[in-house]
Amino acid sequence: MTAFSGKWRRPKLLWERLRPAVRRLRRDMTPAEVSLWERLRKGRLEGFRFRRQHPIGASVVDFCCPAAKLVIELDGSIHEARHDEDAGRQGDLESRGYTVLRFHNAEVEQRIDQVLQV
């Protein structure tokens, strides 16, 4: 039995474990995440549809475009001490066929147009 019907299936126990974190992350987005989400949502970036705080495997990524197999991660100060963990997550995502783009929050806040061009 799965928690979702349709294309986005995940084991029920995994989803029950991830759901509170996903909801908290969606509710408590950083200012950089809010700015980028406003530019990505509803197909605003060349028609590509993104999901925010989207679970992939046992990870929750900041933004995901399933059609393009693209993940965008925004790194704040907490990520400075989590290089090994972030590298492991990125390796897992890449093994699933995703391209991962990482940006610092300051890049999004100061140069969002350049971030979107990438």
PDB file of N, CA and C in Angstrom:
ATOM      1  N   MET A   1       0.837  -1.185   0.000  1.00  0.00           N
ATOM      2  CA  MET A   1       0.000   0.000   0.000  1.00  0.00           C
ATOM      3  C   MET A   1       0.878   1.243   0.000  1.00  0.00           C
ATOM      4  N   THR A   2       0.501   2.255  -0.759  1.00  0.00           N
ATOM      5  CA  THR A   2       1.287   3.476  -0.836  1.00  0.00           C
ATOM      6  C   THR A   2       0.483   4.665  -0.342  1.00  0.00           C
ATOM      7  N   ALA A   3       1.187   5.724  -0.012  1.00  0.00           N
ATOM      8  CA  ALA A   3       0.535   6.925   0.490  1.00  0.00           C
ATOM      9  C   ALA A   3      -0.082   7.750  -0.627  1.00  0.00           C
ATOM     10  N   PHE A   4       0.427   7.636  -1.844  1.00  0.00           N
ATOM     11  CA  PHE A   4      -0.073   8.405  -2.971  1.00  0.00           C
ATOM     12  C   PHE A   4      -0.648   7.478  -4.012  1.00  0.00           C
ATOM     13  N   SER A   5      -1.587   7.977  -4.761  1.00  0.00           N
ATOM     14  CA  SER A   5      -2.043   7.246  -5.937  1.00  0.00           C
ATOM     15  C   SER A   5      -1.384   7.897  -7.147  1.00  0.00           C
ATOM     16  N   GLY A   6      -1.362   7.207  -8.242  1.00  0.00           N
ATOM     17  CA  GLY A   6      -0.803   7.791  -9.454  1.00  0.00           C
ATOM     18  C   GLY A   6       0.695   7.640  -9.530  1.00  0.00           C
ATOM     19  N   LYS A   7       1.323   8.608 -10.212  1.00  0.00           N
ATOM     20  CA  LYS A   7       2.738   8.512 -10.549  1.00  0.00           C
ATOM     21  C   LYS A   7       3.685   8.617  -9.348  1.00  0.00           C
ATOM     22  N   TRP A   8       3.373   9.434  -8.357  1.00  0.00           N
ATOM     23  CA  TRP A   8       4.298   9.697  -7.257  1.00  0.00           C
ATOM     24  C   TRP A   8       4.020   8.768  -6.100  1.00  0.00           C
ATOM     25  N   ARG A   9       4.499   7.550  -6.207  1.00  0.00           N
ATOM     26  CA  ARG A   9       4.292   6.560  -5.156  1.00  0.00           C
ATOM     27  C   ARG A   9       5.523   6.471  -4.264  1.00  0.00           C
ATOM     28  N   ARG A  10       5.265   6.257  -3.003  1.00  0.00           N
ATOM     29  CA  ARG A  10       6.353   6.051  -2.061  1.00  0.00           C
ATOM     30  C   ARG A  10       5.826   5.151  -0.970  1.00  0.00           C
ATOM     31  N   PRO A  11       6.680   4.336  -0.405  1.00  0.00           N
ATOM     32  CA  PRO A  11       6.213   3.436   0.654  1.00  0.00           C
ATOM     33  C   PRO A  11       5.537   4.219   1.789  1.00  0.00           C
ATOM     34  N   LYS A  12       4.440   3.677   2.260  1.00  0.00           N
ATOM     35  CA  LYS A  12       3.629   4.366   3.263  1.00  0.00           C
ATOM     36  C   LYS A  12       4.434   4.720   4.512  1.00  0.00           C
ATOM     37  N   LEU A  13       5.254   3.811   5.004  1.00  0.00           N
ATOM     38  CA  LEU A  13       6.022   4.094   6.224  1.00  0.00           C
ATOM     39  C   LEU A  13       7.036   5.211   6.002  1.00  0.00           C
ATOM     40  N   LEU A  14       7.661   5.238   4.826  1.00  0.00           N
ATOM     41  CA  LEU A  14       8.616   6.301   4.525  1.00  0.00           C
ATOM     42  C   LEU A  14       7.891   7.642   4.453  1.00  0.00           C
ATOM     43  N   TRP A  15       6.746   7.672   3.772  1.00  0.00           N
ATOM     44  CA  TRP A  15       5.993   8.922   3.669  1.00  0.00           C
ATOM     45  C   TRP A  15       5.518   9.393   5.041  1.00  0.00           C
ATOM     46  N   GLU A  16       5.088   8.487   5.900  1.00  0.00           N
ATOM     47  CA  GLU A  16       4.663   8.880   7.245  1.00  0.00           C
ATOM     48  C   GLU A  16       5.816   9.489   8.035  1.00  0.00           C
ATOM     49  N   ARG A  17       7.034   9.016   7.757  1.00  0.00           N
ATOM     50  CA  ARG A  17       8.208   9.579   8.431  1.00  0.00           C
ATOM     51  C   ARG A  17       8.589  10.943   7.847  1.00  0.00           C
ATOM     52  N   LEU A  18       8.445  11.108   6.535  1.00  0.00           N
ATOM     53  CA  LEU A  18       8.849  12.352   5.875  1.00  0.00           C
ATOM     54  C   LEU A  18       7.794  13.456   5.944  1.00  0.00           C
ATOM     55  N   ARG A  19       6.538  13.097   6.010  1.00  0.00           N
ATOM     56  CA  ARG A  19       5.447  14.078   5.913  1.00  0.00           C
ATOM     57  C   ARG A  19       5.587  15.250   6.884  1.00  0.00           C
ATOM     58  N   PRO A  20       5.851  15.030   8.177  1.00  0.00           N
ATOM     59  CA  PRO A  20       5.968  16.194   9.069  1.00  0.00           C
ATOM     60  C   PRO A  20       7.103  17.137   8.659  1.00  0.00           C
ATOM     61  N   ALA A  21       8.227  16.580   8.225  1.00  0.00           N
ATOM     62  CA  ALA A  21       9.347  17.421   7.792  1.00  0.00           C
ATOM     63  C   ALA A  21       8.989  18.205   6.533  1.00  0.00           C
ATOM     64  N   VAL A  22       8.334  17.545   5.585  1.00  0.00           N
ATOM     65  CA  VAL A  22       7.931  18.215   4.341  1.00  0.00           C
ATOM     66  C   VAL A  22       6.995  19.375   4.660  1.00  0.00           C
ATOM     67  N   ARG A  23       6.015  19.139   5.490  1.00  0.00           N
ATOM     68  CA  ARG A  23       5.061  20.201   5.839  1.00  0.00           C
ATOM     69  C   ARG A  23       5.746  21.355   6.559  1.00  0.00           C
ATOM     70  N   ARG A  24       6.663  21.041   7.482  1.00  0.00           N
ATOM     71  CA  ARG A  24       7.394  22.088   8.214  1.00  0.00           C
ATOM     72  C   ARG A  24       8.263  22.895   7.262  1.00  0.00           C
ATOM     73  N   LEU A  25       8.977  22.212   6.350  1.00  0.00           N
ATOM     74  CA  LEU A  25       9.843  22.915   5.404  1.00  0.00           C
ATOM     75  C   LEU A  25       9.045  23.801   4.453  1.00  0.00           C
ATOM     76  N   ARG A  26       7.880  23.354   4.043  1.00  0.00           N
ATOM     77  CA  ARG A  26       7.034  24.180   3.162  1.00  0.00           C
ATOM     78  C   ARG A  26       6.497  25.399   3.908  1.00  0.00           C
ATOM     79  N   ARG A  27       6.201  25.230   5.168  1.00  0.00           N
ATOM     80  CA  ARG A  27       5.649  26.320   5.974  1.00  0.00           C
ATOM     81  C   ARG A  27       6.733  27.328   6.357  1.00  0.00           C
ATOM     82  N   ASP A  28       7.947  26.848   6.623  1.00  0.00           N
ATOM     83  CA  ASP A  28       9.022  27.700   7.149  1.00  0.00           C
ATOM     84  C   ASP A  28      10.132  27.925   6.129  1.00  0.00           C
ATOM     85  N   MET A  29       9.770  28.298   4.919  1.00  0.00           N
ATOM     86  CA  MET A  29      10.769  28.525   3.879  1.00  0.00           C
ATOM     87  C   MET A  29      11.617  29.757   4.201  1.00  0.00           C
ATOM     88  N   THR A  30      12.895  29.713   3.789  1.00  0.00           N
ATOM     89  CA  THR A  30      13.777  30.863   3.973  1.00  0.00           C
ATOM     90  C   THR A  30      13.369  31.959   2.988  1.00  0.00           C
ATOM     91  N   PRO A  31      13.796  33.200   3.229  1.00  0.00           N
ATOM     92  CA  PRO A  31      13.489  34.271   2.267  1.00  0.00           C
ATOM     93  C   PRO A  31      13.992  33.950   0.850  1.00  0.00           C
ATOM     94  N   ALA A  32      15.157  33.325   0.741  1.00  0.00           N
ATOM     95  CA  ALA A  32      15.680  32.960  -0.582  1.00  0.00           C
ATOM     96  C   ALA A  32      14.790  31.914  -1.245  1.00  0.00           C
ATOM     97  N   GLU A  33      14.322  30.932  -0.469  1.00  0.00           N
ATOM     98  CA  GLU A  33      13.422  29.911  -1.019  1.00  0.00           C
ATOM     99  C   GLU A  33      12.106  30.533  -1.482  1.00  0.00           C
ATOM    100  N   VAL A  34      11.582  31.474  -0.710  1.00  0.00           N
ATOM    101  CA  VAL A  34      10.333  32.137  -1.090  1.00  0.00           C
ATOM    102  C   VAL A  34      10.525  32.894  -2.399  1.00  0.00           C
ATOM    103  N   SER A  35      11.636  33.630  -2.522  1.00  0.00           N
ATOM    104  CA  SER A  35      11.906  34.398  -3.748  1.00  0.00           C
ATOM    105  C   SER A  35      12.020  33.486  -4.957  1.00  0.00           C
ATOM    106  N   LEU A  36      12.779  32.406  -4.804  1.00  0.00           N
ATOM    107  CA  LEU A  36      12.963  31.499  -5.934  1.00  0.00           C
ATOM    108  C   LEU A  36      11.654  30.785  -6.271  1.00  0.00           C
ATOM    109  N   TRP A  37      10.895  30.375  -5.267  1.00  0.00           N
ATOM    110  CA  TRP A  37       9.634  29.679  -5.510  1.00  0.00           C
ATOM    111  C   TRP A  37       8.672  30.568  -6.299  1.00  0.00           C
ATOM    112  N   GLU A  38       8.644  31.858  -5.991  1.00  0.00           N
ATOM    113  CA  GLU A  38       7.761  32.768  -6.724  1.00  0.00           C
ATOM    114  C   GLU A  38       8.118  32.805  -8.215  1.00  0.00           C
ATOM    115  N   ARG A  39       9.378  32.581  -8.541  1.00  0.00           N
ATOM    116  CA  ARG A  39       9.818  32.609  -9.943  1.00  0.00           C
ATOM    117  C   ARG A  39       9.694  31.243 -10.624  1.00  0.00           C
ATOM    118  N   LEU A  40       9.613  30.169  -9.834  1.00  0.00           N
ATOM    119  CA  LEU A  40       9.549  28.814 -10.406  1.00  0.00           C
ATOM    120  C   LEU A  40       8.125  28.261 -10.485  1.00  0.00           C
ATOM    121  N   ARG A  41       7.261  28.651  -9.582  1.00  0.00           N
ATOM    122  CA  ARG A  41       5.950  28.013  -9.459  1.00  0.00           C
ATOM    123  C   ARG A  41       5.069  28.246 -10.685  1.00  0.00           C
ATOM    124  N   LYS A  42       4.125  27.343 -10.843  1.00  0.00           N
ATOM    125  CA  LYS A  42       3.115  27.425 -11.906  1.00  0.00           C
ATOM    126  C   LYS A  42       3.712  27.533 -13.305  1.00  0.00           C
ATOM    127  N   GLY A  43       4.855  26.903 -13.513  1.00  0.00           N
ATOM    128  CA  GLY A  43       5.438  26.877 -14.853  1.00  0.00           C
ATOM    129  C   GLY A  43       5.993  28.207 -15.319  1.00  0.00           C
ATOM    130  N   ARG A  44       6.339  29.081 -14.391  1.00  0.00           N
ATOM    131  CA  ARG A  44       6.810  30.424 -14.750  1.00  0.00           C
ATOM    132  C   ARG A  44       8.194  30.433 -15.385  1.00  0.00           C
ATOM    133  N   LEU A  45       8.948  29.364 -15.229  1.00  0.00           N
ATOM    134  CA  LEU A  45      10.275  29.292 -15.844  1.00  0.00           C
ATOM    135  C   LEU A  45      10.170  28.438 -17.102  1.00  0.00           C
ATOM    136  N   GLU A  46       9.920  29.089 -18.217  1.00  0.00           N
ATOM    137  CA  GLU A  46       9.841  28.432 -19.528  1.00  0.00           C
ATOM    138  C   GLU A  46       8.877  27.255 -19.553  1.00  0.00           C
ATOM    139  N   GLY A  47       7.842  27.315 -18.746  1.00  0.00           N
ATOM    140  CA  GLY A  47       6.815  26.286 -18.749  1.00  0.00           C
ATOM    141  C   GLY A  47       7.132  25.048 -17.926  1.00  0.00           C
ATOM    142  N   PHE A  48       8.313  24.974 -17.336  1.00  0.00           N
ATOM    143  CA  PHE A  48       8.669  23.818 -16.515  1.00  0.00           C
ATOM    144  C   PHE A  48       7.963  23.910 -15.170  1.00  0.00           C
ATOM    145  N   ARG A  49       7.382  22.799 -14.742  1.00  0.00           N
ATOM    146  CA  ARG A  49       6.666  22.728 -13.466  1.00  0.00           C
ATOM    147  C   ARG A  49       7.612  22.217 -12.386  1.00  0.00           C
ATOM    148  N   PHE A  50       7.705  22.950 -11.305  1.00  0.00           N
ATOM    149  CA  PHE A  50       8.557  22.583 -10.176  1.00  0.00           C
ATOM    150  C   PHE A  50       7.694  22.226  -8.979  1.00  0.00           C
ATOM    151  N   ARG A  51       8.253  21.408  -8.107  1.00  0.00           N
ATOM    152  CA  ARG A  51       7.662  21.095  -6.812  1.00  0.00           C
ATOM    153  C   ARG A  51       8.616  21.624  -5.747  1.00  0.00           C
ATOM    154  N   ARG A  52       8.072  22.098  -4.658  1.00  0.00           N
ATOM    155  CA  ARG A  52       8.931  22.589  -3.570  1.00  0.00           C
ATOM    156  C   ARG A  52       8.936  21.589  -2.432  1.00  0.00           C
ATOM    157  N   GLN A  53      10.072  21.505  -1.765  1.00  0.00           N
ATOM    158  CA  GLN A  53      10.244  20.590  -0.636  1.00  0.00           C
ATOM    159  C   GLN A  53       9.689  19.221  -1.014  1.00  0.00           C
ATOM    160  N   HIS A  54      10.264  18.669  -2.053  1.00  0.00           N
ATOM    161  CA  HIS A  54       9.759  17.436  -2.658  1.00  0.00           C
ATOM    162  C   HIS A  54      10.591  16.232  -2.200  1.00  0.00           C
ATOM    163  N   PRO A  55       9.958  15.184  -1.674  1.00  0.00           N
ATOM    164  CA  PRO A  55      10.697  13.981  -1.263  1.00  0.00           C
ATOM    165  C   PRO A  55      11.145  13.166  -2.473  1.00  0.00           C
ATOM    166  N   ILE A  56      12.408  12.786  -2.461  1.00  0.00           N
ATOM    167  CA  ILE A  56      12.961  11.853  -3.442  1.00  0.00           C
ATOM    168  C   ILE A  56      13.726  10.818  -2.626  1.00  0.00           C
ATOM    169  N   GLY A  57      13.294   9.576  -2.675  1.00  0.00           N
ATOM    170  CA  GLY A  57      13.886   8.564  -1.808  1.00  0.00           C
ATOM    171  C   GLY A  57      13.659   8.969  -0.362  1.00  0.00           C
ATOM    172  N   ALA A  58      14.721   8.958   0.422  1.00  0.00           N
ATOM    173  CA  ALA A  58      14.622   9.330   1.832  1.00  0.00           C
ATOM    174  C   ALA A  58      14.995  10.793   2.066  1.00  0.00           C
ATOM    175  N   SER A  59      15.230  11.549   0.989  1.00  0.00           N
ATOM    176  CA  SER A  59      15.616  12.952   1.094  1.00  0.00           C
ATOM    177  C   SER A  59      14.460  13.855   0.718  1.00  0.00           C
ATOM    178  N   VAL A  60      14.530  15.082   1.198  1.00  0.00           N
ATOM    179  CA  VAL A  60      13.585  16.117   0.786  1.00  0.00           C
ATOM    180  C   VAL A  60      14.417  17.221   0.148  1.00  0.00           C
ATOM    181  N   VAL A  61      14.178  17.471  -1.142  1.00  0.00           N
ATOM    182  CA  VAL A  61      14.947  18.482  -1.868  1.00  0.00           C
ATOM    183  C   VAL A  61      14.178  19.794  -1.877  1.00  0.00           C
ATOM    184  N   ASP A  62      14.899  20.896  -2.019  1.00  0.00           N
ATOM    185  CA  ASP A  62      14.257  22.208  -1.989  1.00  0.00           C
ATOM    186  C   ASP A  62      13.297  22.380  -3.163  1.00  0.00           C
ATOM    187  N   PHE A  63      13.780  22.157  -4.385  1.00  0.00           N
ATOM    188  CA  PHE A  63      12.950  22.296  -5.577  1.00  0.00           C
ATOM    189  C   PHE A  63      13.278  21.179  -6.550  1.00  0.00           C
ATOM    190  N   CYS A  64      12.249  20.676  -7.220  1.00  0.00           N
ATOM    191  CA  CYS A  64      12.440  19.569  -8.156  1.00  0.00           C
ATOM    192  C   CYS A  64      11.553  19.784  -9.375  1.00  0.00           C
ATOM    193  N   CYS A  65      12.139  19.596 -10.551  1.00  0.00           N
ATOM    194  CA  CYS A  65      11.378  19.569 -11.794  1.00  0.00           C
ATOM    195  C   CYS A  65      11.453  18.135 -12.305  1.00  0.00           C
ATOM    196  N   PRO A  66      10.439  17.323 -12.035  1.00  0.00           N
ATOM    197  CA  PRO A  66      10.492  15.919 -12.431  1.00  0.00           C
ATOM    198  C   PRO A  66      10.657  15.715 -13.935  1.00  0.00           C
ATOM    199  N   ALA A  67      10.035  16.559 -14.746  1.00  0.00           N
ATOM    200  CA  ALA A  67      10.110  16.389 -16.198  1.00  0.00           C
ATOM    201  C   ALA A  67      11.535  16.550 -16.709  1.00  0.00           C
ATOM    202  N   ALA A  68      12.300  17.445 -16.094  1.00  0.00           N
ATOM    203  CA  ALA A  68      13.683  17.682 -16.515  1.00  0.00           C
ATOM    204  C   ALA A  68      14.689  16.911 -15.668  1.00  0.00           C
ATOM    205  N   LYS A  69      14.189  16.166 -14.666  1.00  0.00           N
ATOM    206  CA  LYS A  69      15.072  15.450 -13.725  1.00  0.00           C
ATOM    207  C   LYS A  69      16.100  16.419 -13.131  1.00  0.00           C
ATOM    208  N   LEU A  70      15.595  17.574 -12.681  1.00  0.00           N
ATOM    209  CA  LEU A  70      16.435  18.634 -12.147  1.00  0.00           C
ATOM    210  C   LEU A  70      16.059  18.913 -10.703  1.00  0.00           C
ATOM    211  N   VAL A  71      17.076  19.024  -9.857  1.00  0.00           N
ATOM    212  CA  VAL A  71      16.908  19.389  -8.451  1.00  0.00           C
ATOM    213  C   VAL A  71      17.689  20.672  -8.214  1.00  0.00           C
ATOM    214  N   ILE A  72      17.065  21.616  -7.521  1.00  0.00           N
ATOM    215  CA  ILE A  72      17.741  22.845  -7.114  1.00  0.00           C
ATOM    216  C   ILE A  72      17.779  22.861  -5.597  1.00  0.00           C
ATOM    217  N   GLU A  73      18.987  22.975  -5.062  1.00  0.00           N
ATOM    218  CA  GLU A  73      19.183  23.038  -3.618  1.00  0.00           C
ATOM    219  C   GLU A  73      19.743  24.402  -3.262  1.00  0.00           C
ATOM    220  N   LEU A  74      19.167  25.039  -2.240  1.00  0.00           N
ATOM    221  CA  LEU A  74      19.677  26.299  -1.733  1.00  0.00           C
ATOM    222  C   LEU A  74      20.384  26.032  -0.415  1.00  0.00           C
ATOM    223  N   ASP A  75      21.602  26.525  -0.329  1.00  0.00           N
ATOM    224  CA  ASP A  75      22.430  26.269   0.847  1.00  0.00           C
ATOM    225  C   ASP A  75      22.585  27.534   1.678  1.00  0.00           C
ATOM    226  N   GLY A  76      22.190  27.438   2.930  1.00  0.00           N
ATOM    227  CA  GLY A  76      22.397  28.514   3.882  1.00  0.00           C
ATOM    228  C   GLY A  76      23.595  28.202   4.750  1.00  0.00           C
ATOM    229  N   SER A  77      23.734  28.905   5.839  1.00  0.00           N
ATOM    230  CA  SER A  77      24.893  28.743   6.711  1.00  0.00           C
ATOM    231  C   SER A  77      24.969  27.347   7.325  1.00  0.00           C
ATOM    232  N   ILE A  78      23.847  26.672   7.515  1.00  0.00           N
ATOM    233  CA  ILE A  78      23.853  25.334   8.114  1.00  0.00           C
ATOM    234  C   ILE A  78      24.618  24.333   7.244  1.00  0.00           C
ATOM    235  N   HIS A  79      24.647  24.567   5.946  1.00  0.00           N
ATOM    236  CA  HIS A  79      25.294  23.622   5.034  1.00  0.00           C
ATOM    237  C   HIS A  79      26.820  23.688   5.090  1.00  0.00           C
ATOM    238  N   GLU A  80      27.376  24.732   5.684  1.00  0.00           N
ATOM    239  CA  GLU A  80      28.827  24.847   5.798  1.00  0.00           C
ATOM    240  C   GLU A  80      29.405  23.698   6.621  1.00  0.00           C
ATOM    241  N   ALA A  81      28.645  23.178   7.565  1.00  0.00           N
ATOM    242  CA  ALA A  81      29.111  22.091   8.424  1.00  0.00           C
ATOM    243  C   ALA A  81      28.602  20.733   7.958  1.00  0.00           C
ATOM    244  N   ARG A  82      27.911  20.680   6.813  1.00  0.00           N
ATOM    245  CA  ARG A  82      27.290  19.433   6.363  1.00  0.00           C
ATOM    246  C   ARG A  82      27.768  19.001   4.986  1.00  0.00           C
ATOM    247  N   HIS A  83      29.023  19.281   4.647  1.00  0.00           N
ATOM    248  CA  HIS A  83      29.537  18.947   3.316  1.00  0.00           C
ATOM    249  C   HIS A  83      29.407  17.460   3.008  1.00  0.00           C
ATOM    250  N   ASP A  84      29.797  16.607   3.946  1.00  0.00           N
ATOM    251  CA  ASP A  84      29.757  15.160   3.702  1.00  0.00           C
ATOM    252  C   ASP A  84      28.321  14.671   3.520  1.00  0.00           C
ATOM    253  N   GLU A  85      27.416  15.131   4.358  1.00  0.00           N
ATOM    254  CA  GLU A  85      26.013  14.731   4.250  1.00  0.00           C
ATOM    255  C   GLU A  85      25.414  15.210   2.919  1.00  0.00           C
ATOM    256  N   ASP A  86      25.708  16.470   2.558  1.00  0.00           N
ATOM    257  CA  ASP A  86      25.196  17.011   1.295  1.00  0.00           C
ATOM    258  C   ASP A  86      25.766  16.252   0.096  1.00  0.00           C
ATOM    259  N   ALA A  87      27.043  15.898   0.166  1.00  0.00           N
ATOM    260  CA  ALA A  87      27.658  15.138  -0.929  1.00  0.00           C
ATOM    261  C   ALA A  87      27.014  13.761  -1.069  1.00  0.00           C
ATOM    262  N   GLY A  88      26.699  13.126   0.049  1.00  0.00           N
ATOM    263  CA  GLY A  88      26.032  11.827   0.011  1.00  0.00           C
ATOM    264  C   GLY A  88      24.641  11.917  -0.584  1.00  0.00           C
ATOM    265  N   ARG A  89      23.897  12.933  -0.182  1.00  0.00           N
ATOM    266  CA  ARG A  89      22.553  13.145  -0.740  1.00  0.00           C
ATOM    267  C   ARG A  89      22.635  13.429  -2.234  1.00  0.00           C
ATOM    268  N   GLN A  90      23.599  14.270  -2.616  1.00  0.00           N
ATOM    269  CA  GLN A  90      23.737  14.605  -4.032  1.00  0.00           C
ATOM    270  C   GLN A  90      24.092  13.372  -4.840  1.00  0.00           C
ATOM    271  N   GLY A  91      24.971  12.539  -4.324  1.00  0.00           N
ATOM    272  CA  GLY A  91      25.326  11.298  -5.011  1.00  0.00           C
ATOM    273  C   GLY A  91      24.118  10.394  -5.187  1.00  0.00           C
ATOM    274  N   ASP A  92      23.275  10.296  -4.171  1.00  0.00           N
ATOM    275  CA  ASP A  92      22.067   9.486  -4.269  1.00  0.00           C
ATOM    276  C   ASP A  92      21.122  10.045  -5.329  1.00  0.00           C
ATOM    277  N   LEU A  93      20.941  11.356  -5.336  1.00  0.00           N
ATOM    278  CA  LEU A  93      20.058  11.975  -6.329  1.00  0.00           C
ATOM    279  C   LEU A  93      20.590  11.768  -7.749  1.00  0.00           C
ATOM    280  N   GLU A  94      21.906  11.926  -7.914  1.00  0.00           N
ATOM    281  CA  GLU A  94      22.497  11.730  -9.238  1.00  0.00           C
ATOM    282  C   GLU A  94      22.386  10.277  -9.688  1.00  0.00           C
ATOM    283  N   SER A  95      22.485   9.346  -8.740  1.00  0.00           N
ATOM    284  CA  SER A  95      22.335   7.933  -9.109  1.00  0.00           C
ATOM    285  C   SER A  95      20.907   7.620  -9.551  1.00  0.00           C
ATOM    286  N   ARG A  96      19.956   8.470  -9.163  1.00  0.00           N
ATOM    287  CA  ARG A  96      18.565   8.324  -9.579  1.00  0.00           C
ATOM    288  C   ARG A  96      18.286   9.067 -10.890  1.00  0.00           C
ATOM    289  N   GLY A  97      19.330   9.656 -11.478  1.00  0.00           N
ATOM    290  CA  GLY A  97      19.184  10.325 -12.772  1.00  0.00           C
ATOM    291  C   GLY A  97      18.927  11.819 -12.696  1.00  0.00           C
ATOM    292  N   TYR A  98      19.021  12.422 -11.511  1.00  0.00           N
ATOM    293  CA  TYR A  98      18.773  13.857 -11.365  1.00  0.00           C
ATOM    294  C   TYR A  98      20.058  14.651 -11.533  1.00  0.00           C
ATOM    295  N   THR A  99      19.941  15.826 -12.112  1.00  0.00           N
ATOM    296  CA  THR A  99      21.010  16.815 -12.118  1.00  0.00           C
ATOM    297  C   THR A  99      20.738  17.731 -10.943  1.00  0.00           C
ATOM    298  N   VAL A 100      21.764  17.986 -10.134  1.00  0.00           N
ATOM    299  CA  VAL A 100      21.598  18.798  -8.929  1.00  0.00           C
ATOM    300  C   VAL A 100      22.360  20.109  -9.104  1.00  0.00           C
ATOM    301  N   LEU A 101      21.639  21.215  -8.970  1.00  0.00           N
ATOM    302  CA  LEU A 101      22.250  22.542  -8.972  1.00  0.00           C
ATOM    303  C   LEU A 101      22.172  23.088  -7.559  1.00  0.00           C
ATOM    304  N   ARG A 102      23.318  23.606  -7.069  1.00  0.00           N
ATOM    305  CA  ARG A 102      23.371  24.149  -5.718  1.00  0.00           C
ATOM    306  C   ARG A 102      23.702  25.640  -5.793  1.00  0.00           C
ATOM    307  N   PHE A 103      22.975  26.415  -5.011  1.00  0.00           N
ATOM    308  CA  PHE A 103      23.220  27.844  -4.917  1.00  0.00           C
ATOM    309  C   PHE A 103      23.182  28.240  -3.449  1.00  0.00           C
ATOM    310  N   HIS A 104      23.968  29.256  -3.104  1.00  0.00           N
ATOM    311  CA  HIS A 104      23.902  29.811  -1.757  1.00  0.00           C
ATOM    312  C   HIS A 104      22.702  30.750  -1.694  1.00  0.00           C
ATOM    313  N   ASN A 105      22.106  30.862  -0.528  1.00  0.00           N
ATOM    314  CA  ASN A 105      20.972  31.760  -0.350  1.00  0.00           C
ATOM    315  C   ASN A 105      21.304  33.175  -0.836  1.00  0.00           C
ATOM    316  N   ALA A 106      22.525  33.632  -0.534  1.00  0.00           N
ATOM    317  CA  ALA A 106      22.921  34.991  -0.924  1.00  0.00           C
ATOM    318  C   ALA A 106      22.902  35.166  -2.442  1.00  0.00           C
ATOM    319  N   GLU A 107      23.256  34.119  -3.194  1.00  0.00           N
ATOM    320  CA  GLU A 107      23.215  34.212  -4.656  1.00  0.00           C
ATOM    321  C   GLU A 107      21.793  34.477  -5.130  1.00  0.00           C
ATOM    322  N   VAL A 108      20.840  33.770  -4.555  1.00  0.00           N
ATOM    323  CA  VAL A 108      19.441  33.940  -4.949  1.00  0.00           C
ATOM    324  C   VAL A 108      18.950  35.328  -4.550  1.00  0.00           C
ATOM    325  N   GLU A 109      19.305  35.750  -3.344  1.00  0.00           N
ATOM    326  CA  GLU A 109      18.827  37.044  -2.854  1.00  0.00           C
ATOM    327  C   GLU A 109      19.424  38.210  -3.628  1.00  0.00           C
ATOM    328  N   GLN A 110      20.681  38.083  -4.098  1.00  0.00           N
ATOM    329  CA  GLN A 110      21.358  39.196  -4.752  1.00  0.00           C
ATOM    330  C   GLN A 110      21.319  39.129  -6.279  1.00  0.00           C
ATOM    331  N   ARG A 111      21.244  37.902  -6.852  1.00  0.00           N
ATOM    332  CA  ARG A 111      21.330  37.764  -8.309  1.00  0.00           C
ATOM    333  C   ARG A 111      20.363  36.691  -8.809  1.00  0.00           C
ATOM    334  N   ILE A 112      19.095  36.827  -8.511  1.00  0.00           N
ATOM    335  CA  ILE A 112      18.132  35.783  -8.850  1.00  0.00           C
ATOM    336  C   ILE A 112      18.029  35.578 -10.363  1.00  0.00           C
ATOM    337  N   ASP A 113      18.170  36.638 -11.145  1.00  0.00           N
ATOM    338  CA  ASP A 113      18.071  36.476 -12.605  1.00  0.00           C
ATOM    339  C   ASP A 113      19.195  35.597 -13.145  1.00  0.00           C
ATOM    340  N   GLN A 114      20.419  35.749 -12.619  1.00  0.00           N
ATOM    341  CA  GLN A 114      21.534  34.910 -13.043  1.00  0.00           C
ATOM    342  C   GLN A 114      21.325  33.461 -12.613  1.00  0.00           C
ATOM    343  N   VAL A 115      20.775  33.261 -11.412  1.00  0.00           N
ATOM    344  CA  VAL A 115      20.469  31.912 -10.931  1.00  0.00           C
ATOM    345  C   VAL A 115      19.469  31.244 -11.869  1.00  0.00           C
ATOM    346  N   LEU A 116      18.446  31.966 -12.257  1.00  0.00           N
ATOM    347  CA  LEU A 116      17.436  31.423 -13.149  1.00  0.00           C
ATOM    348  C   LEU A 116      18.001  31.110 -14.534  1.00  0.00           C
ATOM    349  N   GLN A 117      18.971  31.874 -14.997  1.00  0.00           N
ATOM    350  CA  GLN A 117      19.597  31.578 -16.288  1.00  0.00           C
ATOM    351  C   GLN A 117      20.339  30.266 -16.256  1.00  0.00           C
ATOM    352  N   VAL A 118      20.987  29.965 -15.145  1.00  0.00           N
ATOM    353  CA  VAL A 118      21.699  28.693 -15.008  1.00  0.00           C
ATOM    354  C   VAL A 118      20.702  27.571 -15.093  1.00  0.00           C
TER     355      VAL A 118
END
